[in-house]
Amino acid sequence: HFTDKMPHNFVRLGIIHLLFPKAKLIHCERHPLDNAVSLFTNSMRQFHMSYKSDLRRLGLYYLQYKQLMRHYQEVLPGKILTIQYEDLVENTEFVSRKMIDHIGLDWEDNVMKRETSQKSVKTLSAWQVRQPVYQSSAGRWRNYEKHLPELIDVLAEEAVDYEAKLAALTAEN
């Protein structure tokens, strides 16, 4: 079992499925505007600059990602568990149990001990995995809203759809 959360991994799901046909995947969605702002504001390798250095292009890239993920959900039924980031930080143990169950592992209470559970982390958020779960990144895009008109224009429909998903989750819980 391993985790690789690079933003462009969604383009590799087809080859991952061919190489590992029994693999179970977890797809963590985040509010489209929070996701885009995070990508835009973080330093990343040169490859990512092709889509993240311009807000309109970043929004269009996000739409392509969503289209491809919808395709994979259709052609790989039961293989991909989609969770929402905001639900994960709000209901950490509940969502974590769903993820552990999806990949076919038994629950261990140590899963909830983030500070000591991670061995090797090589991502932008390496420091985060040892911190308590926090909710301050949810809705962060609103701090920059006046600077994001192009991005908001491109992602408006996705944002509305995503917020409806979150509202449904809140009503469910």
N, C-alpha and C. Protein backbone atom coordinates (compact mmCIF):
# COMPACT_ATOMS: atom_id res chain seq x y z
N HIS A 1 0.84 -1.18 0.00
CA HIS A 1 0.00 0.00 0.00
C HIS A 1 0.88 1.23 0.00
N PHE A 2 0.51 2.19 -0.82
CA PHE A 2 1.27 3.44 -0.83
C PHE A 2 0.35 4.59 -1.22
N THR A 3 0.82 5.78 -0.92
CA THR A 3 0.08 6.99 -1.24
C THR A 3 0.95 7.86 -2.12
N ASP A 4 0.37 8.33 -3.20
CA ASP A 4 1.05 9.28 -4.06
C ASP A 4 0.01 10.31 -4.45
N LYS A 5 0.16 11.52 -3.94
CA LYS A 5 -0.89 12.52 -4.14
C LYS A 5 -0.49 13.64 -5.07
N MET A 6 0.36 13.36 -6.02
CA MET A 6 0.72 14.39 -6.98
C MET A 6 -0.52 14.79 -7.78
N PRO A 7 -0.67 16.07 -8.06
CA PRO A 7 -1.89 16.56 -8.71
C PRO A 7 -2.19 15.95 -10.07
N HIS A 8 -1.20 15.52 -10.79
CA HIS A 8 -1.46 15.01 -12.14
C HIS A 8 -1.60 13.48 -12.19
N ASN A 9 -1.68 12.82 -11.08
CA ASN A 9 -1.81 11.36 -11.09
C ASN A 9 -3.08 10.87 -11.76
N PHE A 10 -4.08 11.70 -11.82
CA PHE A 10 -5.33 11.28 -12.44
C PHE A 10 -5.13 10.84 -13.89
N VAL A 11 -4.14 11.37 -14.58
CA VAL A 11 -3.91 10.97 -15.97
C VAL A 11 -3.34 9.56 -16.07
N ARG A 12 -2.88 9.02 -14.96
CA ARG A 12 -2.24 7.70 -14.95
C ARG A 12 -3.16 6.57 -14.50
N LEU A 13 -4.41 6.86 -14.20
CA LEU A 13 -5.28 5.83 -13.65
C LEU A 13 -5.47 4.64 -14.60
N GLY A 14 -5.51 4.90 -15.89
CA GLY A 14 -5.65 3.80 -16.85
C GLY A 14 -4.48 2.84 -16.78
N ILE A 15 -3.27 3.36 -16.79
CA ILE A 15 -2.08 2.50 -16.74
C ILE A 15 -1.96 1.84 -15.37
N ILE A 16 -2.34 2.55 -14.31
CA ILE A 16 -2.32 1.95 -12.97
C ILE A 16 -3.26 0.75 -12.94
N HIS A 17 -4.43 0.91 -13.52
CA HIS A 17 -5.39 -0.20 -13.55
C HIS A 17 -4.85 -1.37 -14.38
N LEU A 18 -4.22 -1.08 -15.50
CA LEU A 18 -3.66 -2.17 -16.32
C LEU A 18 -2.54 -2.90 -15.58
N LEU A 19 -1.69 -2.17 -14.88
CA LEU A 19 -0.57 -2.78 -14.15
C LEU A 19 -1.02 -3.48 -12.88
N PHE A 20 -2.02 -2.91 -12.23
CA PHE A 20 -2.49 -3.43 -10.94
C PHE A 20 -4.01 -3.55 -10.98
N PRO A 21 -4.54 -4.54 -11.71
CA PRO A 21 -5.99 -4.62 -11.91
C PRO A 21 -6.80 -4.82 -10.63
N LYS A 22 -6.17 -5.28 -9.57
CA LYS A 22 -6.89 -5.47 -8.31
C LYS A 22 -6.76 -4.26 -7.38
N ALA A 23 -6.04 -3.25 -7.82
CA ALA A 23 -5.81 -2.08 -6.97
C ALA A 23 -7.11 -1.35 -6.68
N LYS A 24 -7.23 -0.90 -5.46
CA LYS A 24 -8.32 -0.03 -5.05
C LYS A 24 -7.74 1.36 -4.90
N LEU A 25 -8.45 2.35 -5.39
CA LEU A 25 -7.94 3.71 -5.41
C LEU A 25 -8.83 4.63 -4.58
N ILE A 26 -8.22 5.64 -4.01
CA ILE A 26 -8.96 6.65 -3.27
C ILE A 26 -8.74 7.99 -3.95
N HIS A 27 -9.82 8.61 -4.28
CA HIS A 27 -9.81 9.90 -4.96
C HIS A 27 -10.34 10.93 -3.97
N CYS A 28 -9.49 11.83 -3.56
CA CYS A 28 -9.89 12.86 -2.60
C CYS A 28 -10.15 14.16 -3.35
N GLU A 29 -11.41 14.53 -3.41
CA GLU A 29 -11.80 15.79 -4.05
C GLU A 29 -11.70 16.91 -3.01
N ARG A 30 -11.50 18.09 -3.51
CA ARG A 30 -11.47 19.28 -2.67
C ARG A 30 -12.25 20.36 -3.42
N HIS A 31 -12.74 21.35 -2.71
CA HIS A 31 -13.46 22.42 -3.38
C HIS A 31 -12.60 22.89 -4.56
N PRO A 32 -13.18 23.01 -5.74
CA PRO A 32 -12.40 23.36 -6.93
C PRO A 32 -11.55 24.62 -6.76
N LEU A 33 -12.10 25.63 -6.12
CA LEU A 33 -11.35 26.88 -5.97
C LEU A 33 -10.25 26.75 -4.91
N ASP A 34 -10.50 26.01 -3.85
CA ASP A 34 -9.44 25.76 -2.86
C ASP A 34 -8.32 24.94 -3.50
N ASN A 35 -8.71 23.95 -4.27
CA ASN A 35 -7.73 23.10 -4.93
C ASN A 35 -6.85 23.93 -5.86
N ALA A 36 -7.48 24.75 -6.67
CA ALA A 36 -6.74 25.56 -7.64
C ALA A 36 -5.84 26.58 -6.94
N VAL A 37 -6.34 27.24 -5.92
CA VAL A 37 -5.53 28.22 -5.19
C VAL A 37 -4.32 27.54 -4.56
N SER A 38 -4.52 26.36 -4.02
CA SER A 38 -3.40 25.63 -3.43
C SER A 38 -2.34 25.31 -4.48
N LEU A 39 -2.77 24.83 -5.62
CA LEU A 39 -1.82 24.54 -6.70
C LEU A 39 -1.10 25.79 -7.16
N PHE A 40 -1.86 26.87 -7.30
CA PHE A 40 -1.30 28.12 -7.82
C PHE A 40 -0.26 28.71 -6.87
N THR A 41 -0.48 28.58 -5.57
CA THR A 41 0.36 29.26 -4.59
C THR A 41 1.53 28.42 -4.08
N ASN A 42 1.58 27.15 -4.42
CA ASN A 42 2.67 26.31 -3.94
C ASN A 42 3.74 26.13 -5.00
N SER A 43 4.97 26.07 -4.56
CA SER A 43 6.08 25.79 -5.47
C SER A 43 6.02 24.33 -5.87
N MET A 44 6.18 24.10 -7.14
CA MET A 44 6.14 22.73 -7.65
C MET A 44 7.18 22.61 -8.76
N ARG A 45 7.41 21.39 -9.17
CA ARG A 45 8.37 21.16 -10.24
C ARG A 45 7.93 21.82 -11.54
N GLN A 46 8.86 22.01 -12.43
CA GLN A 46 8.63 22.73 -13.68
C GLN A 46 7.46 22.16 -14.48
N PHE A 47 7.30 20.85 -14.48
CA PHE A 47 6.21 20.21 -15.22
C PHE A 47 4.87 20.86 -14.92
N HIS A 48 4.63 21.16 -13.64
CA HIS A 48 3.34 21.69 -13.22
C HIS A 48 3.10 23.12 -13.68
N MET A 49 4.17 23.82 -14.02
CA MET A 49 4.02 25.20 -14.46
C MET A 49 3.22 25.30 -15.75
N SER A 50 3.18 24.24 -16.53
CA SER A 50 2.45 24.27 -17.79
C SER A 50 0.95 24.47 -17.58
N TYR A 51 0.44 24.10 -16.43
CA TYR A 51 -0.99 24.29 -16.19
C TYR A 51 -1.30 25.18 -14.98
N LYS A 52 -0.35 25.42 -14.11
CA LYS A 52 -0.69 26.13 -12.88
C LYS A 52 -0.26 27.59 -12.83
N SER A 53 0.45 28.04 -13.81
CA SER A 53 0.99 29.40 -13.75
C SER A 53 0.02 30.48 -14.23
N ASP A 54 -1.09 30.07 -14.80
CA ASP A 54 -2.11 31.00 -15.29
C ASP A 54 -3.46 30.54 -14.75
N LEU A 55 -4.19 31.42 -14.09
CA LEU A 55 -5.42 31.01 -13.41
C LEU A 55 -6.48 30.45 -14.36
N ARG A 56 -6.63 31.05 -15.52
CA ARG A 56 -7.61 30.52 -16.48
C ARG A 56 -7.21 29.12 -16.95
N ARG A 57 -5.94 28.97 -17.30
CA ARG A 57 -5.43 27.66 -17.74
C ARG A 57 -5.58 26.63 -16.62
N LEU A 58 -5.31 27.04 -15.41
CA LEU A 58 -5.45 26.14 -14.26
C LEU A 58 -6.90 25.69 -14.11
N GLY A 59 -7.84 26.61 -14.27
CA GLY A 59 -9.25 26.24 -14.21
C GLY A 59 -9.64 25.26 -15.30
N LEU A 60 -9.14 25.48 -16.51
CA LEU A 60 -9.43 24.57 -17.62
C LEU A 60 -8.81 23.19 -17.37
N TYR A 61 -7.61 23.18 -16.82
CA TYR A 61 -6.96 21.91 -16.46
C TYR A 61 -7.81 21.16 -15.43
N TYR A 62 -8.33 21.89 -14.46
CA TYR A 62 -9.19 21.28 -13.45
C TYR A 62 -10.42 20.64 -14.11
N LEU A 63 -11.02 21.33 -15.06
CA LEU A 63 -12.19 20.77 -15.75
C LEU A 63 -11.83 19.49 -16.50
N GLN A 64 -10.64 19.44 -17.09
CA GLN A 64 -10.20 18.22 -17.76
C GLN A 64 -10.03 17.08 -16.76
N TYR A 65 -9.46 17.42 -15.61
CA TYR A 65 -9.31 16.42 -14.55
C TYR A 65 -10.67 15.86 -14.15
N LYS A 66 -11.66 16.73 -13.94
CA LYS A 66 -12.98 16.26 -13.53
C LYS A 66 -13.62 15.39 -14.60
N GLN A 67 -13.45 15.77 -15.86
CA GLN A 67 -14.01 14.98 -16.96
C GLN A 67 -13.38 13.59 -16.99
N LEU A 68 -12.07 13.53 -16.85
CA LEU A 68 -11.39 12.23 -16.87
C LEU A 68 -11.76 11.40 -15.65
N MET A 69 -11.91 12.01 -14.48
CA MET A 69 -12.30 11.26 -13.28
C MET A 69 -13.72 10.71 -13.43
N ARG A 70 -14.61 11.45 -14.04
CA ARG A 70 -15.96 10.92 -14.28
C ARG A 70 -15.87 9.69 -15.19
N HIS A 71 -15.03 9.77 -16.20
CA HIS A 71 -14.83 8.63 -17.10
C HIS A 71 -14.34 7.40 -16.32
N TYR A 72 -13.30 7.60 -15.51
CA TYR A 72 -12.75 6.46 -14.75
C TYR A 72 -13.75 5.91 -13.75
N GLN A 73 -14.58 6.76 -13.16
CA GLN A 73 -15.61 6.25 -12.25
C GLN A 73 -16.57 5.33 -13.01
N GLU A 74 -16.85 5.66 -14.26
CA GLU A 74 -17.75 4.83 -15.08
C GLU A 74 -17.10 3.52 -15.50
N VAL A 75 -15.87 3.57 -15.98
CA VAL A 75 -15.24 2.37 -16.55
C VAL A 75 -14.55 1.50 -15.50
N LEU A 76 -14.37 2.01 -14.30
CA LEU A 76 -13.75 1.23 -13.21
C LEU A 76 -14.69 1.22 -12.00
N PRO A 77 -15.91 0.73 -12.17
CA PRO A 77 -16.87 0.77 -11.07
C PRO A 77 -16.36 -0.02 -9.86
N GLY A 78 -16.49 0.59 -8.68
CA GLY A 78 -16.08 -0.06 -7.45
C GLY A 78 -14.60 0.03 -7.13
N LYS A 79 -13.81 0.49 -8.08
CA LYS A 79 -12.36 0.58 -7.87
C LYS A 79 -11.94 1.87 -7.19
N ILE A 80 -12.70 2.94 -7.42
CA ILE A 80 -12.30 4.26 -6.94
C ILE A 80 -13.31 4.75 -5.90
N LEU A 81 -12.83 4.97 -4.70
CA LEU A 81 -13.64 5.59 -3.66
C LEU A 81 -13.36 7.09 -3.70
N THR A 82 -14.38 7.88 -3.91
CA THR A 82 -14.22 9.33 -3.90
C THR A 82 -14.68 9.87 -2.57
N ILE A 83 -13.81 10.64 -1.95
CA ILE A 83 -14.15 11.30 -0.69
C ILE A 83 -13.95 12.80 -0.89
N GLN A 84 -14.54 13.57 0.00
CA GLN A 84 -14.37 15.01 -0.06
C GLN A 84 -13.43 15.43 1.08
N TYR A 85 -12.46 16.23 0.73
CA TYR A 85 -11.47 16.73 1.69
C TYR A 85 -12.15 17.34 2.92
N GLU A 86 -13.15 18.16 2.69
CA GLU A 86 -13.83 18.86 3.78
C GLU A 86 -14.52 17.86 4.71
N ASP A 87 -15.05 16.78 4.16
CA ASP A 87 -15.66 15.73 4.98
C ASP A 87 -14.59 14.99 5.77
N LEU A 88 -13.46 14.77 5.14
CA LEU A 88 -12.35 14.09 5.83
C LEU A 88 -11.88 14.89 7.04
N VAL A 89 -11.72 16.20 6.89
CA VAL A 89 -11.23 16.98 8.04
C VAL A 89 -12.32 17.19 9.09
N GLU A 90 -13.57 17.17 8.67
CA GLU A 90 -14.67 17.34 9.62
C GLU A 90 -15.01 16.03 10.35
N ASN A 91 -14.94 14.93 9.63
CA ASN A 91 -15.32 13.61 10.16
C ASN A 91 -14.18 12.62 9.93
N THR A 92 -13.03 12.94 10.48
CA THR A 92 -11.79 12.23 10.15
C THR A 92 -11.89 10.72 10.37
N GLU A 93 -12.31 10.30 11.53
CA GLU A 93 -12.33 8.86 11.79
C GLU A 93 -13.34 8.15 10.91
N PHE A 94 -14.53 8.71 10.75
CA PHE A 94 -15.56 8.09 9.93
C PHE A 94 -15.08 7.90 8.49
N VAL A 95 -14.52 8.94 7.90
CA VAL A 95 -14.06 8.87 6.51
C VAL A 95 -12.82 7.97 6.41
N SER A 96 -11.95 8.02 7.40
CA SER A 96 -10.77 7.15 7.41
C SER A 96 -11.18 5.68 7.44
N ARG A 97 -12.20 5.38 8.21
CA ARG A 97 -12.69 4.00 8.26
C ARG A 97 -13.23 3.56 6.89
N LYS A 98 -13.93 4.48 6.20
CA LYS A 98 -14.41 4.16 4.85
C LYS A 98 -13.24 3.86 3.92
N MET A 99 -12.19 4.67 4.01
CA MET A 99 -11.03 4.46 3.13
C MET A 99 -10.33 3.14 3.44
N ILE A 100 -10.11 2.86 4.71
CA ILE A 100 -9.45 1.61 5.11
C ILE A 100 -10.28 0.41 4.67
N ASP A 101 -11.59 0.49 4.84
CA ASP A 101 -12.48 -0.58 4.40
C ASP A 101 -12.42 -0.75 2.88
N HIS A 102 -12.39 0.36 2.16
CA HIS A 102 -12.35 0.30 0.69
C HIS A 102 -11.12 -0.45 0.19
N ILE A 103 -9.99 -0.22 0.81
CA ILE A 103 -8.77 -0.90 0.33
C ILE A 103 -8.59 -2.28 0.94
N GLY A 104 -9.56 -2.72 1.76
CA GLY A 104 -9.57 -4.09 2.25
C GLY A 104 -8.68 -4.36 3.44
N LEU A 105 -8.39 -3.36 4.23
CA LEU A 105 -7.58 -3.56 5.43
C LEU A 105 -8.46 -3.54 6.67
N ASP A 106 -7.95 -4.12 7.73
CA ASP A 106 -8.63 -4.05 9.01
C ASP A 106 -8.30 -2.72 9.67
N TRP A 107 -9.26 -2.20 10.41
CA TRP A 107 -9.06 -0.94 11.12
C TRP A 107 -8.07 -1.14 12.26
N GLU A 108 -7.18 -0.19 12.40
CA GLU A 108 -6.27 -0.13 13.55
C GLU A 108 -6.38 1.25 14.14
N ASP A 109 -6.52 1.33 15.45
CA ASP A 109 -6.69 2.63 16.11
C ASP A 109 -5.49 3.55 15.88
N ASN A 110 -4.32 2.99 15.60
CA ASN A 110 -3.13 3.81 15.36
C ASN A 110 -3.28 4.68 14.10
N VAL A 111 -4.23 4.35 13.25
CA VAL A 111 -4.46 5.17 12.05
C VAL A 111 -4.73 6.61 12.46
N MET A 112 -5.37 6.79 13.59
CA MET A 112 -5.74 8.13 14.03
C MET A 112 -4.59 8.87 14.72
N LYS A 113 -3.48 8.22 14.93
CA LYS A 113 -2.32 8.85 15.57
C LYS A 113 -1.37 9.35 14.50
N ARG A 114 -1.76 10.41 13.84
CA ARG A 114 -1.01 10.95 12.70
C ARG A 114 0.42 11.34 13.05
N GLU A 115 0.62 11.86 14.23
CA GLU A 115 1.93 12.39 14.60
C GLU A 115 3.02 11.33 14.56
N THR A 116 2.65 10.06 14.81
CA THR A 116 3.66 9.00 14.87
C THR A 116 3.49 7.94 13.78
N SER A 117 2.47 8.06 12.96
CA SER A 117 2.18 6.98 12.02
C SER A 117 2.92 7.07 10.68
N GLN A 118 3.39 8.23 10.31
CA GLN A 118 4.01 8.40 9.00
C GLN A 118 5.51 8.14 9.06
N LYS A 119 5.99 7.34 8.15
CA LYS A 119 7.42 7.04 8.12
C LYS A 119 8.16 7.97 7.17
N SER A 120 7.80 7.93 5.90
CA SER A 120 8.50 8.74 4.90
C SER A 120 7.47 9.52 4.09
N VAL A 121 7.66 10.82 4.06
CA VAL A 121 6.74 11.69 3.33
C VAL A 121 7.56 12.63 2.48
N LYS A 122 7.27 12.66 1.18
CA LYS A 122 8.02 13.51 0.25
C LYS A 122 7.06 14.33 -0.59
N THR A 123 6.25 15.13 0.07
CA THR A 123 5.31 15.99 -0.65
C THR A 123 5.42 17.40 -0.11
N LEU A 124 4.70 18.32 -0.75
CA LEU A 124 4.65 19.70 -0.27
C LEU A 124 4.16 19.77 1.17
N SER A 125 3.33 18.84 1.56
CA SER A 125 2.72 18.88 2.88
C SER A 125 3.40 17.93 3.86
N ALA A 126 4.67 17.67 3.69
CA ALA A 126 5.38 16.73 4.57
C ALA A 126 5.23 17.12 6.03
N TRP A 127 5.29 18.39 6.34
CA TRP A 127 5.15 18.82 7.74
C TRP A 127 3.74 18.61 8.25
N GLN A 128 2.75 18.65 7.35
CA GLN A 128 1.35 18.55 7.77
C GLN A 128 0.98 17.18 8.30
N VAL A 129 1.60 16.13 7.79
CA VAL A 129 1.17 14.79 8.18
C VAL A 129 1.44 14.50 9.65
N ARG A 130 2.26 15.29 10.27
CA ARG A 130 2.54 15.09 11.68
C ARG A 130 1.79 16.08 12.57
N GLN A 131 0.92 16.86 11.97
CA GLN A 131 0.12 17.84 12.72
C GLN A 131 -1.29 17.28 12.94
N PRO A 132 -1.97 17.79 13.95
CA PRO A 132 -3.38 17.41 14.09
C PRO A 132 -4.17 17.86 12.86
N VAL A 133 -5.26 17.17 12.57
CA VAL A 133 -6.10 17.54 11.44
C VAL A 133 -6.66 18.94 11.72
N TYR A 134 -6.61 19.79 10.73
CA TYR A 134 -7.12 21.16 10.89
C TYR A 134 -8.04 21.49 9.73
N GLN A 135 -8.91 22.47 9.96
CA GLN A 135 -9.92 22.82 8.97
C GLN A 135 -9.69 24.17 8.31
N SER A 136 -8.59 24.81 8.59
CA SER A 136 -8.38 26.17 8.11
C SER A 136 -8.16 26.28 6.60
N SER A 137 -7.87 25.18 5.94
CA SER A 137 -7.70 25.24 4.48
C SER A 137 -9.02 25.20 3.73
N ALA A 138 -10.07 24.78 4.39
CA ALA A 138 -11.39 24.74 3.75
C ALA A 138 -11.90 26.17 3.59
N GLY A 139 -12.23 26.54 2.37
CA GLY A 139 -12.72 27.88 2.09
C GLY A 139 -11.63 28.94 1.99
N ARG A 140 -10.38 28.50 1.95
CA ARG A 140 -9.24 29.43 1.88
C ARG A 140 -9.29 30.32 0.64
N TRP A 141 -9.87 29.83 -0.43
CA TRP A 141 -9.93 30.60 -1.67
C TRP A 141 -10.63 31.94 -1.47
N ARG A 142 -11.54 32.02 -0.50
CA ARG A 142 -12.28 33.26 -0.28
C ARG A 142 -11.36 34.41 0.14
N ASN A 143 -10.20 34.10 0.74
CA ASN A 143 -9.23 35.13 1.11
C ASN A 143 -8.66 35.84 -0.12
N TYR A 144 -8.74 35.19 -1.28
CA TYR A 144 -8.16 35.72 -2.51
C TYR A 144 -9.20 36.00 -3.58
N GLU A 145 -10.44 35.94 -3.21
CA GLU A 145 -11.55 35.99 -4.17
C GLU A 145 -11.43 37.15 -5.15
N LYS A 146 -11.07 38.33 -4.69
CA LYS A 146 -11.02 39.49 -5.59
C LYS A 146 -9.91 39.36 -6.65
N HIS A 147 -8.98 38.44 -6.44
CA HIS A 147 -7.89 38.23 -7.40
C HIS A 147 -8.16 37.05 -8.34
N LEU A 148 -9.31 36.43 -8.20
CA LEU A 148 -9.58 35.17 -8.91
C LEU A 148 -10.72 35.21 -9.91
N PRO A 149 -11.08 36.36 -10.48
CA PRO A 149 -12.27 36.37 -11.34
C PRO A 149 -12.19 35.39 -12.52
N GLU A 150 -11.03 35.27 -13.15
CA GLU A 150 -10.91 34.33 -14.28
C GLU A 150 -11.11 32.89 -13.83
N LEU A 151 -10.50 32.55 -12.71
CA LEU A 151 -10.61 31.19 -12.18
C LEU A 151 -12.04 30.90 -11.75
N ILE A 152 -12.65 31.84 -11.06
CA ILE A 152 -14.02 31.66 -10.60
C ILE A 152 -14.96 31.50 -11.80
N ASP A 153 -14.73 32.27 -12.85
CA ASP A 153 -15.55 32.17 -14.06
C ASP A 153 -15.48 30.77 -14.66
N VAL A 154 -14.27 30.24 -14.76
CA VAL A 154 -14.07 28.91 -15.37
C VAL A 154 -14.66 27.81 -14.48
N LEU A 155 -14.51 27.95 -13.17
CA LEU A 155 -14.90 26.87 -12.26
C LEU A 155 -16.25 27.08 -11.57
N ALA A 156 -17.00 28.08 -11.98
CA ALA A 156 -18.25 28.41 -11.29
C ALA A 156 -19.20 27.22 -11.18
N GLU A 157 -19.44 26.54 -12.28
CA GLU A 157 -20.38 25.41 -12.27
C GLU A 157 -19.86 24.27 -11.40
N GLU A 158 -18.57 23.97 -11.51
CA GLU A 158 -17.98 22.91 -10.68
C GLU A 158 -18.07 23.28 -9.20
N ALA A 159 -17.84 24.56 -8.88
CA ALA A 159 -17.90 25.00 -7.48
C ALA A 159 -19.32 24.83 -6.93
N VAL A 160 -20.32 25.20 -7.71
CA VAL A 160 -21.70 25.06 -7.28
C VAL A 160 -22.03 23.58 -7.06
N ASP A 161 -21.63 22.73 -7.99
CA ASP A 161 -21.87 21.28 -7.86
C ASP A 161 -21.18 20.73 -6.61
N TYR A 162 -19.95 21.16 -6.39
CA TYR A 162 -19.20 20.65 -5.25
C TYR A 162 -19.84 21.11 -3.93
N GLU A 163 -20.24 22.35 -3.88
CA GLU A 163 -20.88 22.86 -2.67
C GLU A 163 -22.19 22.13 -2.39
N ALA A 164 -22.89 21.73 -3.44
CA ALA A 164 -24.10 20.93 -3.26
C ALA A 164 -23.77 19.56 -2.67
N LYS A 165 -22.67 18.95 -3.14
CA LYS A 165 -22.21 17.68 -2.56
C LYS A 165 -21.93 17.83 -1.07
N LEU A 166 -21.24 18.91 -0.72
CA LEU A 166 -20.90 19.14 0.69
C LEU A 166 -22.17 19.36 1.52
N ALA A 167 -23.11 20.08 0.98
CA ALA A 167 -24.37 20.32 1.70
C ALA A 167 -25.10 19.00 1.92
N ALA A 168 -25.08 18.12 0.92
CA ALA A 168 -25.73 16.81 1.05
C ALA A 168 -25.03 15.97 2.13
N LEU A 169 -23.72 16.04 2.18
CA LEU A 169 -22.97 15.33 3.21
C LEU A 169 -23.31 15.84 4.60
N THR A 170 -23.41 17.15 4.72
CA THR A 170 -23.73 17.77 6.01
C THR A 170 -25.12 17.34 6.46
N ALA A 171 -26.07 17.32 5.54
CA ALA A 171 -27.42 16.91 5.86
C ALA A 171 -27.45 15.43 6.25
N GLU A 172 -26.61 14.63 5.60
CA GLU A 172 -26.53 13.19 5.86
C GLU A 172 -25.98 12.91 7.25
N ASN A 173 -24.98 13.71 7.64
CA ASN A 173 -24.32 13.49 8.93
C ASN A 173 -25.13 14.15 10.01
